[in-house]
Amino acid sequence: MAKKWLEVVSSGQPGEVEARLRRFDGSYRCFLCRAAPVRDEQGSIVAWFGTDTDIEDRKNAEDEAKRILDAIPQTIVVLD
């Protein structure tokens, strides 16, 4: 995570990183961390604005859906 975050900061562009962080209650959960630079009139970065969104439940639901689909012995085809 640290390497990816340093890449975002050094690029000066908005970015996002998924990471396991310790939550307020002491449990470790998966978070989506997004950040965007705040620039002054000259275009220099003066600060970063960001959010950390708890996505643990979403990740667990995706994993469960994958396990269910992987357990089906038949081929699944989606036609549009």
PDB file of N, CA and C in Angstrom:
ATOM      1  N   MET A   1       0.807  -1.183   0.000  1.00  0.00           N
ATOM      2  CA  MET A   1       0.000   0.000   0.000  1.00  0.00           C
ATOM      3  C   MET A   1       0.858   1.257   0.000  1.00  0.00           C
ATOM      4  N   ALA A   2       1.911   1.275   0.785  1.00  0.00           N
ATOM      5  CA  ALA A   2       2.752   2.467   0.889  1.00  0.00           C
ATOM      6  C   ALA A   2       3.356   2.825  -0.469  1.00  0.00           C
ATOM      7  N   LYS A   3       3.792   1.828  -1.220  1.00  0.00           N
ATOM      8  CA  LYS A   3       4.392   2.089  -2.532  1.00  0.00           C
ATOM      9  C   LYS A   3       3.370   2.715  -3.468  1.00  0.00           C
ATOM     10  N   LYS A   4       2.162   2.160  -3.501  1.00  0.00           N
ATOM     11  CA  LYS A   4       1.102   2.689  -4.367  1.00  0.00           C
ATOM     12  C   LYS A   4       0.753   4.112  -3.962  1.00  0.00           C
ATOM     13  N   TRP A   5       0.667   4.363  -2.648  1.00  0.00           N
ATOM     14  CA  TRP A   5       0.342   5.703  -2.168  1.00  0.00           C
ATOM     15  C   TRP A   5       1.421   6.702  -2.575  1.00  0.00           C
ATOM     16  N   LEU A   6       2.678   6.316  -2.467  1.00  0.00           N
ATOM     17  CA  LEU A   6       3.769   7.207  -2.878  1.00  0.00           C
ATOM     18  C   LEU A   6       3.701   7.507  -4.366  1.00  0.00           C
ATOM     19  N   GLU A   7       3.283   6.529  -5.176  1.00  0.00           N
ATOM     20  CA  GLU A   7       3.116   6.758  -6.611  1.00  0.00           C
ATOM     21  C   GLU A   7       2.024   7.790  -6.869  1.00  0.00           C
ATOM     22  N   VAL A   8       0.916   7.685  -6.123  1.00  0.00           N
ATOM     23  CA  VAL A   8      -0.176   8.656  -6.281  1.00  0.00           C
ATOM     24  C   VAL A   8       0.310  10.052  -5.915  1.00  0.00           C
ATOM     25  N   VAL A   9       0.959  10.184  -4.777  1.00  0.00           N
ATOM     26  CA  VAL A   9       1.429  11.489  -4.313  1.00  0.00           C
ATOM     27  C   VAL A   9       2.457  12.078  -5.274  1.00  0.00           C
ATOM     28  N   SER A  10       3.398  11.272  -5.730  1.00  0.00           N
ATOM     29  CA  SER A  10       4.438  11.793  -6.618  1.00  0.00           C
ATOM     30  C   SER A  10       3.885  12.173  -7.986  1.00  0.00           C
ATOM     31  N   SER A  11       2.772  11.544  -8.404  1.00  0.00           N
ATOM     32  CA  SER A  11       2.185  11.897  -9.700  1.00  0.00           C
ATOM     33  C   SER A  11       1.441  13.227  -9.640  1.00  0.00           C
ATOM     34  N   GLY A  12       0.992  13.600  -8.452  1.00  0.00           N
ATOM     35  CA  GLY A  12       0.229  14.829  -8.320  1.00  0.00           C
ATOM     36  C   GLY A  12      -1.185  14.720  -8.860  1.00  0.00           C
ATOM     37  N   GLN A  13      -1.612  13.512  -9.157  1.00  0.00           N
ATOM     38  CA  GLN A  13      -2.945  13.273  -9.712  1.00  0.00           C
ATOM     39  C   GLN A  13      -3.815  12.553  -8.673  1.00  0.00           C
ATOM     40  N   PRO A  14      -5.144  12.674  -8.803  1.00  0.00           N
ATOM     41  CA  PRO A  14      -6.020  11.920  -7.903  1.00  0.00           C
ATOM     42  C   PRO A  14      -5.759  10.428  -8.038  1.00  0.00           C
ATOM     43  N   GLY A  15      -5.969   9.700  -6.959  1.00  0.00           N
ATOM     44  CA  GLY A  15      -5.747   8.257  -7.011  1.00  0.00           C
ATOM     45  C   GLY A  15      -6.469   7.544  -5.895  1.00  0.00           C
ATOM     46  N   GLU A  16      -6.387   6.211  -5.947  1.00  0.00           N
ATOM     47  CA  GLU A  16      -7.021   5.394  -4.913  1.00  0.00           C
ATOM     48  C   GLU A  16      -6.199   4.157  -4.636  1.00  0.00           C
ATOM     49  N   VAL A  17      -6.330   3.662  -3.402  1.00  0.00           N
ATOM     50  CA  VAL A  17      -5.604   2.497  -2.931  1.00  0.00           C
ATOM     51  C   VAL A  17      -6.543   1.699  -2.029  1.00  0.00           C
ATOM     52  N   GLU A  18      -6.540   0.376  -2.175  1.00  0.00           N
ATOM     53  CA  GLU A  18      -7.249  -0.481  -1.225  1.00  0.00           C
ATOM     54  C   GLU A  18      -6.236  -0.981  -0.207  1.00  0.00           C
ATOM     55  N   ALA A  19      -6.637  -0.924   1.077  1.00  0.00           N
ATOM     56  CA  ALA A  19      -5.712  -1.338   2.133  1.00  0.00           C
ATOM     57  C   ALA A  19      -6.485  -1.830   3.346  1.00  0.00           C
ATOM     58  N   ARG A  20      -5.826  -2.669   4.133  1.00  0.00           N
ATOM     59  CA  ARG A  20      -6.409  -3.093   5.409  1.00  0.00           C
ATOM     60  C   ARG A  20      -5.930  -2.101   6.460  1.00  0.00           C
ATOM     61  N   LEU A  21      -6.893  -1.457   7.110  1.00  0.00           N
ATOM     62  CA  LEU A  21      -6.586  -0.456   8.123  1.00  0.00           C
ATOM     63  C   LEU A  21      -7.289  -0.817   9.420  1.00  0.00           C
ATOM     64  N   ARG A  22      -6.730  -0.323  10.511  1.00  0.00           N
ATOM     65  CA  ARG A  22      -7.375  -0.550  11.800  1.00  0.00           C
ATOM     66  C   ARG A  22      -8.456   0.498  11.995  1.00  0.00           C
ATOM     67  N   ARG A  23      -9.644   0.016  12.273  1.00  0.00           N
ATOM     68  CA  ARG A  23     -10.802   0.874  12.446  1.00  0.00           C
ATOM     69  C   ARG A  23     -10.850   1.408  13.871  1.00  0.00           C
ATOM     70  N   PHE A  24     -11.753   2.347  14.133  1.00  0.00           N
ATOM     71  CA  PHE A  24     -11.885   2.980  15.448  1.00  0.00           C
ATOM     72  C   PHE A  24     -12.069   1.977  16.588  1.00  0.00           C
ATOM     73  N   ASP A  25     -12.673   0.804  16.272  1.00  0.00           N
ATOM     74  CA  ASP A  25     -12.917  -0.192  17.315  1.00  0.00           C
ATOM     75  C   ASP A  25     -11.775  -1.202  17.459  1.00  0.00           C
ATOM     76  N   GLY A  26     -10.691  -0.992  16.723  1.00  0.00           N
ATOM     77  CA  GLY A  26      -9.523  -1.860  16.829  1.00  0.00           C
ATOM     78  C   GLY A  26      -9.498  -3.006  15.836  1.00  0.00           C
ATOM     79  N   SER A  27     -10.590  -3.236  15.106  1.00  0.00           N
ATOM     80  CA  SER A  27     -10.614  -4.324  14.115  1.00  0.00           C
ATOM     81  C   SER A  27      -9.971  -3.852  12.809  1.00  0.00           C
ATOM     82  N   TYR A  28      -9.369  -4.793  12.105  1.00  0.00           N
ATOM     83  CA  TYR A  28      -8.769  -4.490  10.812  1.00  0.00           C
ATOM     84  C   TYR A  28      -9.774  -4.828   9.718  1.00  0.00           C
ATOM     85  N   ARG A  29     -10.008  -3.870   8.822  1.00  0.00           N
ATOM     86  CA  ARG A  29     -10.973  -4.040   7.746  1.00  0.00           C
ATOM     87  C   ARG A  29     -10.393  -3.458   6.462  1.00  0.00           C
ATOM     88  N   CYS A  30     -10.985  -3.849   5.348  1.00  0.00           N
ATOM     89  CA  CYS A  30     -10.541  -3.362   4.043  1.00  0.00           C
ATOM     90  C   CYS A  30     -11.174  -1.993   3.775  1.00  0.00           C
ATOM     91  N   PHE A  31     -10.344  -1.029   3.394  1.00  0.00           N
ATOM     92  CA  PHE A  31     -10.803   0.326   3.097  1.00  0.00           C
ATOM     93  C   PHE A  31     -10.367   0.721   1.691  1.00  0.00           C
ATOM     94  N   LEU A  32     -11.191   1.517   1.041  1.00  0.00           N
ATOM     95  CA  LEU A  32     -10.833   2.162  -0.214  1.00  0.00           C
ATOM     96  C   LEU A  32     -10.437   3.582   0.141  1.00  0.00           C
ATOM     97  N   CYS A  33      -9.159   3.901  -0.077  1.00  0.00           N
ATOM     98  CA  CYS A  33      -8.622   5.216   0.270  1.00  0.00           C
ATOM     99  C   CYS A  33      -8.450   6.014  -1.019  1.00  0.00           C
ATOM    100  N   ARG A  34      -9.150   7.128  -1.108  1.00  0.00           N
ATOM    101  CA  ARG A  34      -9.083   7.990  -2.287  1.00  0.00           C
ATOM    102  C   ARG A  34      -8.557   9.354  -1.880  1.00  0.00           C
ATOM    103  N   ALA A  35      -7.769   9.960  -2.755  1.00  0.00           N
ATOM    104  CA  ALA A  35      -7.219  11.280  -2.451  1.00  0.00           C
ATOM    105  C   ALA A  35      -7.072  12.092  -3.730  1.00  0.00           C
ATOM    106  N   ALA A  36      -7.202  13.405  -3.564  1.00  0.00           N
ATOM    107  CA  ALA A  36      -7.027  14.332  -4.680  1.00  0.00           C
ATOM    108  C   ALA A  36      -6.252  15.546  -4.174  1.00  0.00           C
ATOM    109  N   PRO A  37      -5.365  16.080  -5.002  1.00  0.00           N
ATOM    110  CA  PRO A  37      -4.591  17.240  -4.569  1.00  0.00           C
ATOM    111  C   PRO A  37      -5.439  18.513  -4.567  1.00  0.00           C
ATOM    112  N   VAL A  38      -5.128  19.402  -3.629  1.00  0.00           N
ATOM    113  CA  VAL A  38      -5.710  20.740  -3.594  1.00  0.00           C
ATOM    114  C   VAL A  38      -4.608  21.679  -4.049  1.00  0.00           C
ATOM    115  N   ARG A  39      -4.886  22.466  -5.075  1.00  0.00           N
ATOM    116  CA  ARG A  39      -3.857  23.328  -5.659  1.00  0.00           C
ATOM    117  C   ARG A  39      -4.159  24.803  -5.420  1.00  0.00           C
ATOM    118  N   ASP A  40      -3.096  25.606  -5.357  1.00  0.00           N
ATOM    119  CA  ASP A  40      -3.256  27.050  -5.251  1.00  0.00           C
ATOM    120  C   ASP A  40      -3.398  27.660  -6.647  1.00  0.00           C
ATOM    121  N   GLU A  41      -3.449  28.976  -6.730  1.00  0.00           N
ATOM    122  CA  GLU A  41      -3.641  29.665  -8.002  1.00  0.00           C
ATOM    123  C   GLU A  41      -2.522  29.389  -9.009  1.00  0.00           C
ATOM    124  N   GLN A  42      -1.328  29.092  -8.526  1.00  0.00           N
ATOM    125  CA  GLN A  42      -0.196  28.793  -9.406  1.00  0.00           C
ATOM    126  C   GLN A  42      -0.143  27.330  -9.823  1.00  0.00           C
ATOM    127  N   GLY A  43      -1.022  26.509  -9.280  1.00  0.00           N
ATOM    128  CA  GLY A  43      -1.048  25.094  -9.623  1.00  0.00           C
ATOM    129  C   GLY A  43      -0.218  24.215  -8.709  1.00  0.00           C
ATOM    130  N   SER A  44       0.383  24.800  -7.679  1.00  0.00           N
ATOM    131  CA  SER A  44       1.176  24.007  -6.729  1.00  0.00           C
ATOM    132  C   SER A  44       0.249  23.301  -5.748  1.00  0.00           C
ATOM    133  N   ILE A  45       0.624  22.078  -5.386  1.00  0.00           N
ATOM    134  CA  ILE A  45      -0.158  21.325  -4.411  1.00  0.00           C
ATOM    135  C   ILE A  45       0.094  21.904  -3.026  1.00  0.00           C
ATOM    136  N   VAL A  46      -0.995  22.286  -2.360  1.00  0.00           N
ATOM    137  CA  VAL A  46      -0.874  22.843  -1.011  1.00  0.00           C
ATOM    138  C   VAL A  46      -1.409  21.888   0.045  1.00  0.00           C
ATOM    139  N   ALA A  47      -2.204  20.901  -0.377  1.00  0.00           N
ATOM    140  CA  ALA A  47      -2.756  19.920   0.555  1.00  0.00           C
ATOM    141  C   ALA A  47      -3.351  18.775  -0.251  1.00  0.00           C
ATOM    142  N   TRP A  48      -3.721  17.735   0.457  1.00  0.00           N
ATOM    143  CA  TRP A  48      -4.425  16.598  -0.160  1.00  0.00           C
ATOM    144  C   TRP A  48      -5.756  16.439   0.549  1.00  0.00           C
ATOM    145  N   PHE A  49      -6.805  16.181  -0.212  1.00  0.00           N
ATOM    146  CA  PHE A  49      -8.136  15.921   0.318  1.00  0.00           C
ATOM    147  C   PHE A  49      -8.444  14.461   0.045  1.00  0.00           C
ATOM    148  N   GLY A  50      -8.919  13.741   1.060  1.00  0.00           N
ATOM    149  CA  GLY A  50      -9.164  12.328   0.832  1.00  0.00           C
ATOM    150  C   GLY A  50     -10.265  11.751   1.682  1.00  0.00           C
ATOM    151  N   THR A  51     -10.651  10.530   1.306  1.00  0.00           N
ATOM    152  CA  THR A  51     -11.645   9.775   2.055  1.00  0.00           C
ATOM    153  C   THR A  51     -11.153   8.347   2.231  1.00  0.00           C
ATOM    154  N   ASP A  52     -11.581   7.727   3.317  1.00  0.00           N
ATOM    155  CA  ASP A  52     -11.338   6.306   3.565  1.00  0.00           C
ATOM    156  C   ASP A  52     -12.709   5.660   3.756  1.00  0.00           C
ATOM    157  N   THR A  53     -13.084   4.770   2.830  1.00  0.00           N
ATOM    158  CA  THR A  53     -14.398   4.137   2.864  1.00  0.00           C
ATOM    159  C   THR A  53     -14.245   2.665   3.220  1.00  0.00           C
ATOM    160  N   ASP A  54     -14.953   2.231   4.247  1.00  0.00           N
ATOM    161  CA  ASP A  54     -14.920   0.834   4.679  1.00  0.00           C
ATOM    162  C   ASP A  54     -15.640  -0.010   3.625  1.00  0.00           C
ATOM    163  N   ILE A  55     -14.893  -0.916   2.960  1.00  0.00           N
ATOM    164  CA  ILE A  55     -15.471  -1.765   1.913  1.00  0.00           C
ATOM    165  C   ILE A  55     -15.386  -3.249   2.277  1.00  0.00           C
ATOM    166  N   GLU A  56     -15.184  -3.537   3.547  1.00  0.00           N
ATOM    167  CA  GLU A  56     -15.032  -4.928   3.997  1.00  0.00           C
ATOM    168  C   GLU A  56     -16.261  -5.772   3.644  1.00  0.00           C
ATOM    169  N   ASP A  57     -17.456  -5.247   3.917  1.00  0.00           N
ATOM    170  CA  ASP A  57     -18.675  -6.011   3.629  1.00  0.00           C
ATOM    171  C   ASP A  57     -18.825  -6.273   2.134  1.00  0.00           C
ATOM    172  N   ARG A  58     -18.509  -5.276   1.309  1.00  0.00           N
ATOM    173  CA  ARG A  58     -18.579  -5.458  -0.144  1.00  0.00           C
ATOM    174  C   ARG A  58     -17.592  -6.522  -0.614  1.00  0.00           C
ATOM    175  N   LYS A  59     -16.374  -6.476  -0.086  1.00  0.00           N
ATOM    176  CA  LYS A  59     -15.354  -7.459  -0.469  1.00  0.00           C
ATOM    177  C   LYS A  59     -15.793  -8.871  -0.061  1.00  0.00           C
ATOM    178  N   ASN A  60     -16.376  -9.004   1.134  1.00  0.00           N
ATOM    179  CA  ASN A  60     -16.857 -10.309   1.591  1.00  0.00           C
ATOM    180  C   ASN A  60     -17.978 -10.824   0.699  1.00  0.00           C
ATOM    181  N   ALA A  61     -18.899  -9.937   0.295  1.00  0.00           N
ATOM    182  CA  ALA A  61     -19.997 -10.343  -0.592  1.00  0.00           C
ATOM    183  C   ALA A  61     -19.458 -10.764  -1.960  1.00  0.00           C
ATOM    184  N   GLU A  62     -18.473 -10.058  -2.479  1.00  0.00           N
ATOM    185  CA  GLU A  62     -17.863 -10.440  -3.759  1.00  0.00           C
ATOM    186  C   GLU A  62     -17.194 -11.810  -3.654  1.00  0.00           C
ATOM    187  N   ASP A  63     -16.488 -12.041  -2.557  1.00  0.00           N
ATOM    188  CA  ASP A  63     -15.826 -13.336  -2.354  1.00  0.00           C
ATOM    189  C   ASP A  63     -16.845 -14.469  -2.256  1.00  0.00           C
ATOM    190  N   GLU A  64     -17.950 -14.214  -1.544  1.00  0.00           N
ATOM    191  CA  GLU A  64     -18.992 -15.228  -1.394  1.00  0.00           C
ATOM    192  C   GLU A  64     -19.637 -15.535  -2.753  1.00  0.00           C
ATOM    193  N   ALA A  65     -19.924 -14.513  -3.545  1.00  0.00           N
ATOM    194  CA  ALA A  65     -20.503 -14.722  -4.871  1.00  0.00           C
ATOM    195  C   ALA A  65     -19.547 -15.524  -5.748  1.00  0.00           C
ATOM    196  N   LYS A  66     -18.260 -15.241  -5.660  1.00  0.00           N
ATOM    197  CA  LYS A  66     -17.271 -15.980  -6.450  1.00  0.00           C
ATOM    198  C   LYS A  66     -17.237 -17.451  -6.023  1.00  0.00           C
ATOM    199  N   ARG A  67     -17.289 -17.702  -4.711  1.00  0.00           N
ATOM    200  CA  ARG A  67     -17.295 -19.085  -4.223  1.00  0.00           C
ATOM    201  C   ARG A  67     -18.531 -19.834  -4.721  1.00  0.00           C
ATOM    202  N   ILE A  68     -19.671 -19.164  -4.712  1.00  0.00           N
ATOM    203  CA  ILE A  68     -20.909 -19.797  -5.194  1.00  0.00           C
ATOM    204  C   ILE A  68     -20.795 -20.119  -6.674  1.00  0.00           C
ATOM    205  N   LEU A  69     -20.333 -19.149  -7.471  1.00  0.00           N
ATOM    206  CA  LEU A  69     -20.204 -19.377  -8.911  1.00  0.00           C
ATOM    207  C   LEU A  69     -19.174 -20.450  -9.225  1.00  0.00           C
ATOM    208  N   ASP A  70     -18.074 -20.471  -8.468  1.00  0.00           N
ATOM    209  CA  ASP A  70     -17.041 -21.481  -8.693  1.00  0.00           C
ATOM    210  C   ASP A  70     -17.534 -22.890  -8.345  1.00  0.00           C
ATOM    211  N   ALA A  71     -18.524 -22.989  -7.453  1.00  0.00           N
ATOM    212  CA  ALA A  71     -19.023 -24.292  -7.027  1.00  0.00           C
ATOM    213  C   ALA A  71     -20.024 -24.892  -8.017  1.00  0.00           C
ATOM    214  N   ILE A  72     -20.528 -24.086  -8.937  1.00  0.00           N
ATOM    215  CA  ILE A  72     -21.501 -24.572  -9.916  1.00  0.00           C
ATOM    216  C   ILE A  72     -20.752 -25.347 -10.997  1.00  0.00           C
ATOM    217  N   PRO A  73     -21.110 -26.632 -11.194  1.00  0.00           N
ATOM    218  CA  PRO A  73     -20.363 -27.451 -12.149  1.00  0.00           C
ATOM    219  C   PRO A  73     -20.672 -27.125 -13.619  1.00  0.00           C
ATOM    220  N   GLN A  74     -21.759 -26.466 -13.886  1.00  0.00           N
ATOM    221  CA  GLN A  74     -22.109 -26.135 -15.264  1.00  0.00           C
ATOM    222  C   GLN A  74     -21.481 -24.812 -15.670  1.00  0.00           C
ATOM    223  N   THR A  75     -21.421 -24.633 -16.990  1.00  0.00           N
ATOM    224  CA  THR A  75     -20.930 -23.371 -17.525  1.00  0.00           C
ATOM    225  C   THR A  75     -22.052 -22.334 -17.471  1.00  0.00           C
ATOM    226  N   ILE A  76     -21.711 -21.143 -17.054  1.00  0.00           N
ATOM    227  CA  ILE A  76     -22.687 -20.051 -17.005  1.00  0.00           C
ATOM    228  C   ILE A  76     -22.367 -19.103 -18.149  1.00  0.00           C
ATOM    229  N   VAL A  77     -23.388 -18.801 -18.937  1.00  0.00           N
ATOM    230  CA  VAL A  77     -23.222 -17.884 -20.063  1.00  0.00           C
ATOM    231  C   VAL A  77     -24.226 -16.764 -19.916  1.00  0.00           C
ATOM    232  N   VAL A  78     -23.768 -15.540 -20.086  1.00  0.00           N
ATOM    233  CA  VAL A  78     -24.652 -14.378 -20.039  1.00  0.00           C
ATOM    234  C   VAL A  78     -24.759 -13.838 -21.457  1.00  0.00           C
ATOM    235  N   LEU A  79     -25.976 -13.793 -21.975  1.00  0.00           N
ATOM    236  CA  LEU A  79     -26.218 -13.291 -23.317  1.00  0.00           C
ATOM    237  C   LEU A  79     -26.881 -11.932 -23.216  1.00  0.00           C
ATOM    238  N   ASP A  80     -26.439 -11.032 -24.031  1.00  0.00           N
ATOM    239  CA  ASP A  80     -27.000  -9.686 -24.017  1.00  0.00           C
ATOM    240  C   ASP A  80     -27.816  -9.450 -25.272  1.00  0.00           C
TER     241      ASP A  80
END
